[in-house]
Amino acid sequence: MQELKRQFKANTRLWDTAFAFLATHDLSKIEVGNYPLAGDSCMVKVSYSTPKEPQAASWEAHKKYIDIQYISVGSESIGLAPAAGAVVSKPYNEAKDVMNFDIQAAPYYEARSGTFFVFFPADAHRPGLRAADDMIRKVVVKILAAP
């Protein structure tokens, strides 16, 4: 909660922009694609895809951006673990703002339609795993993280 407070205070305008987008669009019907909200500082990616089987999903974390992941249709399972101390399986790719990890034990949560998760740079996450549904519509808002 402290990190959310710190990030919101550092970039209130970006968070307000992100939440205004989420509040003013029908997220169950929004078209698949990318939507820039504030240049490279805040953007939205909408996907409609089949959930992954565990062997096809990687643990990931980002350094530059915070993810707000909102499930608008369907459900998925999402793993969450601290990135600190995790074994890096693929080093940080600055162009894609992602690094991957090999994490053996961590809790998983069901993300149902209408729920969202916020992942900060310190959070390794493993999204998009099959829960119950065949298709997932996900809205991911990326907000530039404050140092």
N, C-alpha and C. Protein backbone atom coordinates (compact mmCIF):
# COMPACT_ATOMS: atom_id res chain seq x y z
N MET A 1 0.82 -1.19 0.00
CA MET A 1 0.00 0.00 0.00
C MET A 1 0.87 1.26 0.00
N GLN A 2 2.01 1.19 0.66
CA GLN A 2 2.91 2.34 0.70
C GLN A 2 3.43 2.67 -0.69
N GLU A 3 3.74 1.63 -1.48
CA GLU A 3 4.25 1.88 -2.83
C GLU A 3 3.17 2.50 -3.72
N LEU A 4 1.96 2.06 -3.58
CA LEU A 4 0.85 2.67 -4.34
C LEU A 4 0.71 4.14 -3.98
N LYS A 5 0.76 4.43 -2.71
CA LYS A 5 0.66 5.82 -2.26
C LYS A 5 1.81 6.66 -2.81
N ARG A 6 3.02 6.13 -2.74
CA ARG A 6 4.19 6.85 -3.23
C ARG A 6 4.11 7.10 -4.74
N GLN A 7 3.75 6.07 -5.48
CA GLN A 7 3.67 6.21 -6.94
C GLN A 7 2.55 7.16 -7.35
N PHE A 8 1.41 7.07 -6.68
CA PHE A 8 0.30 7.96 -7.01
C PHE A 8 0.67 9.41 -6.73
N LYS A 9 1.31 9.65 -5.61
CA LYS A 9 1.71 11.01 -5.25
C LYS A 9 2.74 11.56 -6.25
N ALA A 10 3.65 10.71 -6.72
CA ALA A 10 4.69 11.15 -7.65
C ALA A 10 4.15 11.44 -9.05
N ASN A 11 3.10 10.71 -9.45
CA ASN A 11 2.56 10.84 -10.81
C ASN A 11 1.03 10.89 -10.82
N THR A 12 0.47 11.73 -10.01
CA THR A 12 -0.99 11.81 -9.88
C THR A 12 -1.68 12.00 -11.22
N ARG A 13 -1.13 12.86 -12.06
CA ARG A 13 -1.75 13.13 -13.37
C ARG A 13 -1.86 11.86 -14.21
N LEU A 14 -0.82 11.03 -14.19
CA LEU A 14 -0.85 9.79 -14.97
C LEU A 14 -1.87 8.81 -14.43
N TRP A 15 -1.92 8.67 -13.11
CA TRP A 15 -2.90 7.78 -12.50
C TRP A 15 -4.32 8.27 -12.78
N ASP A 16 -4.55 9.57 -12.68
CA ASP A 16 -5.86 10.13 -12.98
C ASP A 16 -6.24 9.87 -14.44
N THR A 17 -5.27 10.00 -15.34
CA THR A 17 -5.51 9.73 -16.76
C THR A 17 -5.88 8.27 -16.97
N ALA A 18 -5.15 7.37 -16.33
CA ALA A 18 -5.42 5.94 -16.46
C ALA A 18 -6.82 5.59 -15.95
N PHE A 19 -7.14 6.08 -14.76
CA PHE A 19 -8.46 5.75 -14.19
C PHE A 19 -9.59 6.41 -14.95
N ALA A 20 -9.36 7.58 -15.52
CA ALA A 20 -10.39 8.22 -16.35
C ALA A 20 -10.67 7.37 -17.58
N PHE A 21 -9.64 6.82 -18.19
CA PHE A 21 -9.83 5.93 -19.34
C PHE A 21 -10.66 4.72 -18.94
N LEU A 22 -10.27 4.08 -17.84
CA LEU A 22 -10.98 2.89 -17.38
C LEU A 22 -12.44 3.18 -17.05
N ALA A 23 -12.71 4.37 -16.53
CA ALA A 23 -14.07 4.73 -16.13
C ALA A 23 -14.96 5.16 -17.29
N THR A 24 -14.38 5.56 -18.41
CA THR A 24 -15.18 6.14 -19.49
C THR A 24 -15.29 5.25 -20.72
N HIS A 25 -14.81 4.03 -20.65
CA HIS A 25 -14.90 3.11 -21.79
C HIS A 25 -15.61 1.83 -21.37
N ASP A 26 -16.35 1.23 -22.30
CA ASP A 26 -16.97 -0.07 -22.05
C ASP A 26 -15.87 -1.11 -22.24
N LEU A 27 -15.26 -1.52 -21.17
CA LEU A 27 -14.09 -2.38 -21.22
C LEU A 27 -14.40 -3.81 -21.64
N SER A 28 -15.67 -4.18 -21.65
CA SER A 28 -16.03 -5.52 -22.12
C SER A 28 -16.13 -5.56 -23.64
N LYS A 29 -16.17 -4.39 -24.28
CA LYS A 29 -16.34 -4.34 -25.73
C LYS A 29 -15.24 -3.55 -26.44
N ILE A 30 -14.34 -2.97 -25.71
CA ILE A 30 -13.30 -2.14 -26.33
C ILE A 30 -12.49 -2.97 -27.34
N GLU A 31 -12.16 -2.34 -28.43
CA GLU A 31 -11.42 -3.02 -29.50
C GLU A 31 -10.01 -3.38 -29.05
N VAL A 32 -9.54 -4.51 -29.54
CA VAL A 32 -8.16 -4.93 -29.30
C VAL A 32 -7.24 -3.91 -29.95
N GLY A 33 -6.18 -3.54 -29.24
CA GLY A 33 -5.23 -2.59 -29.78
C GLY A 33 -4.51 -1.82 -28.71
N ASN A 34 -3.74 -0.84 -29.15
CA ASN A 34 -2.97 0.02 -28.25
C ASN A 34 -3.54 1.42 -28.28
N TYR A 35 -3.63 2.04 -27.10
CA TYR A 35 -4.21 3.37 -26.95
C TYR A 35 -3.25 4.24 -26.15
N PRO A 36 -2.56 5.17 -26.79
CA PRO A 36 -1.70 6.08 -26.03
C PRO A 36 -2.55 7.08 -25.26
N LEU A 37 -2.24 7.28 -24.00
CA LEU A 37 -2.99 8.23 -23.17
C LEU A 37 -2.18 9.47 -22.85
N ALA A 38 -0.89 9.28 -22.62
CA ALA A 38 0.01 10.40 -22.30
C ALA A 38 1.39 10.06 -22.84
N GLY A 39 1.50 9.99 -24.17
CA GLY A 39 2.77 9.65 -24.79
C GLY A 39 3.30 8.32 -24.30
N ASP A 40 4.59 8.29 -23.98
CA ASP A 40 5.21 7.06 -23.46
C ASP A 40 5.05 6.91 -21.95
N SER A 41 4.36 7.85 -21.33
CA SER A 41 4.21 7.82 -19.87
C SER A 41 3.00 7.03 -19.38
N CYS A 42 2.00 6.90 -20.24
CA CYS A 42 0.79 6.17 -19.87
C CYS A 42 0.12 5.66 -21.14
N MET A 43 -0.09 4.37 -21.23
CA MET A 43 -0.68 3.77 -22.42
C MET A 43 -1.51 2.55 -22.04
N VAL A 44 -2.38 2.15 -22.96
CA VAL A 44 -3.27 1.02 -22.73
C VAL A 44 -3.07 0.00 -23.84
N LYS A 45 -3.06 -1.26 -23.46
CA LYS A 45 -3.03 -2.36 -24.43
C LYS A 45 -4.22 -3.26 -24.12
N VAL A 46 -5.06 -3.48 -25.13
CA VAL A 46 -6.23 -4.34 -24.98
C VAL A 46 -5.98 -5.61 -25.79
N SER A 47 -6.17 -6.76 -25.14
CA SER A 47 -6.00 -8.03 -25.82
C SER A 47 -7.23 -8.91 -25.60
N TYR A 48 -7.45 -9.79 -26.54
CA TYR A 48 -8.51 -10.79 -26.44
C TYR A 48 -7.85 -12.09 -26.87
N SER A 49 -7.60 -12.98 -25.91
CA SER A 49 -6.78 -14.14 -26.21
C SER A 49 -7.19 -15.35 -25.40
N THR A 50 -6.63 -16.47 -25.79
CA THR A 50 -6.82 -17.74 -25.08
C THR A 50 -5.87 -17.78 -23.90
N PRO A 51 -6.34 -18.16 -22.73
CA PRO A 51 -5.42 -18.28 -21.58
C PRO A 51 -4.33 -19.31 -21.87
N LYS A 52 -3.20 -19.16 -21.20
CA LYS A 52 -2.05 -20.03 -21.42
C LYS A 52 -2.08 -21.21 -20.45
N GLU A 53 -1.48 -22.29 -20.90
CA GLU A 53 -1.22 -23.41 -20.01
C GLU A 53 0.05 -23.05 -19.22
N PRO A 54 0.23 -23.59 -18.02
CA PRO A 54 1.37 -23.20 -17.18
C PRO A 54 2.73 -23.29 -17.87
N GLN A 55 2.97 -24.30 -18.68
CA GLN A 55 4.28 -24.44 -19.32
C GLN A 55 4.54 -23.35 -20.37
N ALA A 56 3.51 -22.62 -20.79
CA ALA A 56 3.67 -21.57 -21.80
C ALA A 56 3.73 -20.16 -21.20
N ALA A 57 3.64 -20.06 -19.89
CA ALA A 57 3.61 -18.75 -19.24
C ALA A 57 4.87 -18.52 -18.43
N SER A 58 5.44 -17.33 -18.58
CA SER A 58 6.66 -16.98 -17.87
C SER A 58 6.38 -16.01 -16.73
N TRP A 59 7.24 -16.05 -15.74
CA TRP A 59 7.24 -15.02 -14.70
C TRP A 59 7.92 -13.79 -15.29
N GLU A 60 7.40 -12.62 -15.02
CA GLU A 60 7.96 -11.39 -15.57
C GLU A 60 7.90 -10.27 -14.55
N ALA A 61 8.72 -9.26 -14.80
CA ALA A 61 8.66 -8.01 -14.04
C ALA A 61 9.15 -6.90 -14.96
N HIS A 62 8.80 -5.69 -14.62
CA HIS A 62 9.16 -4.52 -15.42
C HIS A 62 9.93 -3.53 -14.55
N LYS A 63 10.78 -2.75 -15.16
CA LYS A 63 11.53 -1.73 -14.43
C LYS A 63 10.96 -0.34 -14.65
N LYS A 64 10.48 -0.06 -15.87
CA LYS A 64 10.04 1.29 -16.21
C LYS A 64 8.56 1.55 -15.92
N TYR A 65 7.74 0.51 -16.03
CA TYR A 65 6.29 0.72 -15.95
C TYR A 65 5.63 -0.10 -14.86
N ILE A 66 4.54 0.46 -14.37
CA ILE A 66 3.61 -0.22 -13.47
C ILE A 66 2.49 -0.75 -14.35
N ASP A 67 2.04 -1.96 -14.10
CA ASP A 67 0.91 -2.54 -14.83
C ASP A 67 -0.34 -2.48 -13.98
N ILE A 68 -1.41 -1.96 -14.55
CA ILE A 68 -2.75 -2.17 -14.01
C ILE A 68 -3.38 -3.17 -14.97
N GLN A 69 -3.62 -4.38 -14.52
CA GLN A 69 -4.20 -5.41 -15.38
C GLN A 69 -5.65 -5.64 -14.96
N TYR A 70 -6.55 -5.34 -15.89
CA TYR A 70 -7.99 -5.45 -15.64
C TYR A 70 -8.58 -6.52 -16.54
N ILE A 71 -9.28 -7.46 -15.96
CA ILE A 71 -9.95 -8.51 -16.72
C ILE A 71 -11.37 -8.04 -16.99
N SER A 72 -11.69 -7.77 -18.26
CA SER A 72 -13.03 -7.28 -18.58
C SER A 72 -13.97 -8.40 -19.00
N VAL A 73 -13.43 -9.48 -19.55
CA VAL A 73 -14.25 -10.64 -19.95
C VAL A 73 -13.44 -11.88 -19.62
N GLY A 74 -14.08 -12.85 -18.98
CA GLY A 74 -13.42 -14.12 -18.69
C GLY A 74 -12.73 -14.11 -17.34
N SER A 75 -11.83 -15.06 -17.16
CA SER A 75 -11.05 -15.14 -15.93
C SER A 75 -9.72 -15.82 -16.23
N GLU A 76 -8.75 -15.52 -15.40
CA GLU A 76 -7.44 -16.13 -15.53
C GLU A 76 -6.84 -16.30 -14.15
N SER A 77 -5.79 -17.07 -14.09
CA SER A 77 -5.03 -17.24 -12.87
C SER A 77 -3.75 -16.42 -13.02
N ILE A 78 -3.36 -15.72 -11.94
CA ILE A 78 -2.18 -14.87 -11.96
C ILE A 78 -1.31 -15.21 -10.75
N GLY A 79 -0.04 -15.49 -11.00
CA GLY A 79 0.91 -15.71 -9.92
C GLY A 79 1.56 -14.39 -9.51
N LEU A 80 1.93 -14.29 -8.25
CA LEU A 80 2.55 -13.07 -7.73
C LEU A 80 3.65 -13.45 -6.75
N ALA A 81 4.83 -12.85 -6.95
CA ALA A 81 5.97 -13.12 -6.07
C ALA A 81 6.91 -11.91 -6.09
N PRO A 82 7.71 -11.74 -5.05
CA PRO A 82 8.70 -10.66 -5.08
C PRO A 82 9.77 -10.93 -6.15
N ALA A 83 10.13 -9.91 -6.90
CA ALA A 83 11.20 -10.06 -7.89
C ALA A 83 12.57 -10.14 -7.21
N ALA A 84 12.70 -9.43 -6.09
CA ALA A 84 13.98 -9.44 -5.37
C ALA A 84 14.32 -10.85 -4.92
N GLY A 85 15.50 -11.30 -5.27
CA GLY A 85 15.96 -12.61 -4.87
C GLY A 85 15.52 -13.75 -5.79
N ALA A 86 14.65 -13.47 -6.75
CA ALA A 86 14.21 -14.51 -7.69
C ALA A 86 15.31 -14.79 -8.71
N VAL A 87 15.36 -16.01 -9.19
CA VAL A 87 16.36 -16.41 -10.17
C VAL A 87 15.96 -15.88 -11.54
N VAL A 88 16.83 -15.08 -12.15
CA VAL A 88 16.55 -14.50 -13.46
C VAL A 88 16.78 -15.57 -14.53
N SER A 89 15.75 -15.79 -15.36
CA SER A 89 15.88 -16.76 -16.45
C SER A 89 16.17 -16.07 -17.78
N LYS A 90 15.73 -14.83 -17.93
CA LYS A 90 16.07 -13.99 -19.10
C LYS A 90 16.37 -12.61 -18.56
N PRO A 91 17.55 -12.07 -18.88
CA PRO A 91 17.91 -10.74 -18.37
C PRO A 91 16.99 -9.66 -18.91
N TYR A 92 17.05 -8.52 -18.26
CA TYR A 92 16.21 -7.39 -18.60
C TYR A 92 16.41 -6.96 -20.05
N ASN A 93 15.29 -6.83 -20.77
CA ASN A 93 15.27 -6.32 -22.13
C ASN A 93 14.69 -4.91 -22.06
N GLU A 94 15.57 -3.91 -22.19
CA GLU A 94 15.13 -2.52 -22.03
C GLU A 94 14.09 -2.12 -23.07
N ALA A 95 14.24 -2.58 -24.30
CA ALA A 95 13.30 -2.22 -25.37
C ALA A 95 11.89 -2.72 -25.06
N LYS A 96 11.77 -3.88 -24.43
CA LYS A 96 10.46 -4.45 -24.10
C LYS A 96 10.07 -4.21 -22.65
N ASP A 97 10.99 -3.64 -21.87
CA ASP A 97 10.77 -3.43 -20.43
C ASP A 97 10.29 -4.70 -19.74
N VAL A 98 11.05 -5.77 -19.90
CA VAL A 98 10.67 -7.02 -19.26
C VAL A 98 11.91 -7.84 -18.94
N MET A 99 11.83 -8.52 -17.82
CA MET A 99 12.80 -9.55 -17.47
C MET A 99 12.00 -10.73 -16.97
N ASN A 100 12.55 -11.93 -17.13
CA ASN A 100 11.84 -13.14 -16.75
C ASN A 100 12.57 -13.86 -15.62
N PHE A 101 11.79 -14.64 -14.89
CA PHE A 101 12.30 -15.33 -13.71
C PHE A 101 11.90 -16.79 -13.70
N ASP A 102 12.64 -17.56 -12.94
CA ASP A 102 12.28 -18.95 -12.64
C ASP A 102 11.88 -18.97 -11.17
N ILE A 103 10.59 -19.03 -10.93
CA ILE A 103 10.06 -19.04 -9.56
C ILE A 103 9.27 -20.33 -9.39
N GLN A 104 9.64 -21.11 -8.38
CA GLN A 104 9.03 -22.42 -8.20
C GLN A 104 7.78 -22.41 -7.32
N ALA A 105 7.79 -21.59 -6.29
CA ALA A 105 6.66 -21.60 -5.35
C ALA A 105 6.18 -20.18 -5.12
N ALA A 106 4.90 -19.96 -5.38
CA ALA A 106 4.30 -18.64 -5.18
C ALA A 106 2.79 -18.80 -5.17
N PRO A 107 2.11 -17.86 -4.55
CA PRO A 107 0.64 -17.93 -4.57
C PRO A 107 0.07 -17.53 -5.93
N TYR A 108 -1.08 -18.09 -6.24
CA TYR A 108 -1.82 -17.76 -7.46
C TYR A 108 -3.20 -17.25 -7.06
N TYR A 109 -3.71 -16.33 -7.85
CA TYR A 109 -5.00 -15.71 -7.58
C TYR A 109 -5.86 -15.78 -8.83
N GLU A 110 -7.16 -15.96 -8.63
CA GLU A 110 -8.07 -15.94 -9.77
C GLU A 110 -8.50 -14.51 -10.04
N ALA A 111 -8.27 -14.08 -11.25
CA ALA A 111 -8.69 -12.75 -11.69
C ALA A 111 -9.94 -12.94 -12.54
N ARG A 112 -11.07 -12.57 -11.97
CA ARG A 112 -12.36 -12.71 -12.67
C ARG A 112 -12.73 -11.40 -13.33
N SER A 113 -13.66 -11.50 -14.24
CA SER A 113 -14.17 -10.31 -14.91
C SER A 113 -14.55 -9.25 -13.88
N GLY A 114 -14.06 -8.03 -14.10
CA GLY A 114 -14.36 -6.93 -13.18
C GLY A 114 -13.32 -6.72 -12.11
N THR A 115 -12.26 -7.53 -12.09
CA THR A 115 -11.20 -7.34 -11.09
C THR A 115 -9.93 -6.83 -11.76
N PHE A 116 -9.09 -6.20 -10.95
CA PHE A 116 -7.81 -5.75 -11.48
C PHE A 116 -6.71 -5.97 -10.48
N PHE A 117 -5.50 -6.05 -11.02
CA PHE A 117 -4.29 -6.20 -10.23
C PHE A 117 -3.36 -5.06 -10.60
N VAL A 118 -2.58 -4.59 -9.64
CA VAL A 118 -1.56 -3.58 -9.89
C VAL A 118 -0.22 -4.21 -9.58
N PHE A 119 0.67 -4.21 -10.58
CA PHE A 119 2.00 -4.79 -10.42
C PHE A 119 3.04 -3.68 -10.53
N PHE A 120 3.83 -3.51 -9.48
CA PHE A 120 4.90 -2.53 -9.43
C PHE A 120 6.20 -3.19 -9.88
N PRO A 121 7.25 -2.42 -10.14
CA PRO A 121 8.51 -3.02 -10.58
C PRO A 121 9.06 -4.09 -9.63
N ALA A 122 8.75 -4.04 -8.38
CA ALA A 122 9.24 -5.05 -7.43
C ALA A 122 8.44 -6.36 -7.47
N ASP A 123 7.35 -6.37 -8.25
CA ASP A 123 6.46 -7.54 -8.30
C ASP A 123 6.71 -8.40 -9.52
N ALA A 124 7.15 -9.62 -9.30
CA ALA A 124 7.17 -10.60 -10.40
C ALA A 124 5.75 -11.13 -10.52
N HIS A 125 5.28 -11.27 -11.73
CA HIS A 125 3.93 -11.78 -11.93
C HIS A 125 3.91 -12.74 -13.10
N ARG A 126 2.97 -13.63 -13.05
CA ARG A 126 2.79 -14.66 -14.09
C ARG A 126 1.32 -14.63 -14.49
N PRO A 127 0.98 -13.74 -15.42
CA PRO A 127 -0.42 -13.56 -15.80
C PRO A 127 -0.84 -14.49 -16.93
N GLY A 128 -2.15 -14.49 -17.18
CA GLY A 128 -2.70 -15.15 -18.36
C GLY A 128 -2.85 -16.64 -18.30
N LEU A 129 -2.81 -17.22 -17.11
CA LEU A 129 -2.94 -18.68 -16.99
C LEU A 129 -4.40 -19.11 -17.02
N ARG A 130 -4.64 -20.25 -17.63
CA ARG A 130 -6.00 -20.78 -17.74
C ARG A 130 -6.61 -20.96 -16.35
N ALA A 131 -7.81 -20.42 -16.18
CA ALA A 131 -8.58 -20.62 -14.95
C ALA A 131 -9.82 -21.42 -15.33
N ALA A 132 -10.81 -20.77 -15.89
CA ALA A 132 -12.04 -21.46 -16.25
C ALA A 132 -12.53 -21.15 -17.66
N ASP A 133 -12.12 -20.04 -18.20
CA ASP A 133 -12.68 -19.57 -19.46
C ASP A 133 -11.75 -19.82 -20.64
N ASP A 134 -12.37 -19.90 -21.82
CA ASP A 134 -11.60 -20.13 -23.04
C ASP A 134 -10.98 -18.85 -23.60
N MET A 135 -11.62 -17.71 -23.34
CA MET A 135 -11.11 -16.45 -23.88
C MET A 135 -11.10 -15.39 -22.77
N ILE A 136 -10.11 -14.51 -22.86
CA ILE A 136 -9.97 -13.43 -21.88
C ILE A 136 -9.83 -12.11 -22.64
N ARG A 137 -10.60 -11.12 -22.24
CA ARG A 137 -10.37 -9.75 -22.71
C ARG A 137 -9.71 -9.03 -21.55
N LYS A 138 -8.48 -8.57 -21.79
CA LYS A 138 -7.70 -7.92 -20.75
C LYS A 138 -7.31 -6.53 -21.19
N VAL A 139 -7.41 -5.59 -20.26
CA VAL A 139 -6.99 -4.22 -20.48
C VAL A 139 -5.80 -3.98 -19.56
N VAL A 140 -4.65 -3.69 -20.15
CA VAL A 140 -3.44 -3.43 -19.36
C VAL A 140 -3.08 -1.96 -19.54
N VAL A 141 -3.08 -1.23 -18.44
CA VAL A 141 -2.64 0.16 -18.45
C VAL A 141 -1.22 0.19 -17.93
N LYS A 142 -0.34 0.81 -18.68
CA LYS A 142 1.06 0.94 -18.28
C LYS A 142 1.28 2.38 -17.87
N ILE A 143 1.77 2.56 -16.65
CA ILE A 143 2.05 3.90 -16.10
C ILE A 143 3.54 3.96 -15.78
N LEU A 144 4.19 5.03 -16.25
CA LEU A 144 5.60 5.21 -15.98
C LEU A 144 5.83 5.24 -14.46
N ALA A 145 6.74 4.39 -13.99
CA ALA A 145 7.02 4.30 -12.57
C ALA A 145 7.94 5.44 -12.14
N ALA A 146 7.66 6.02 -10.99
CA ALA A 146 8.55 7.02 -10.40
C ALA A 146 9.78 6.30 -9.86
N PRO A 147 10.95 6.95 -9.92
CA PRO A 147 12.16 6.29 -9.40
C PRO A 147 12.09 6.05 -7.90
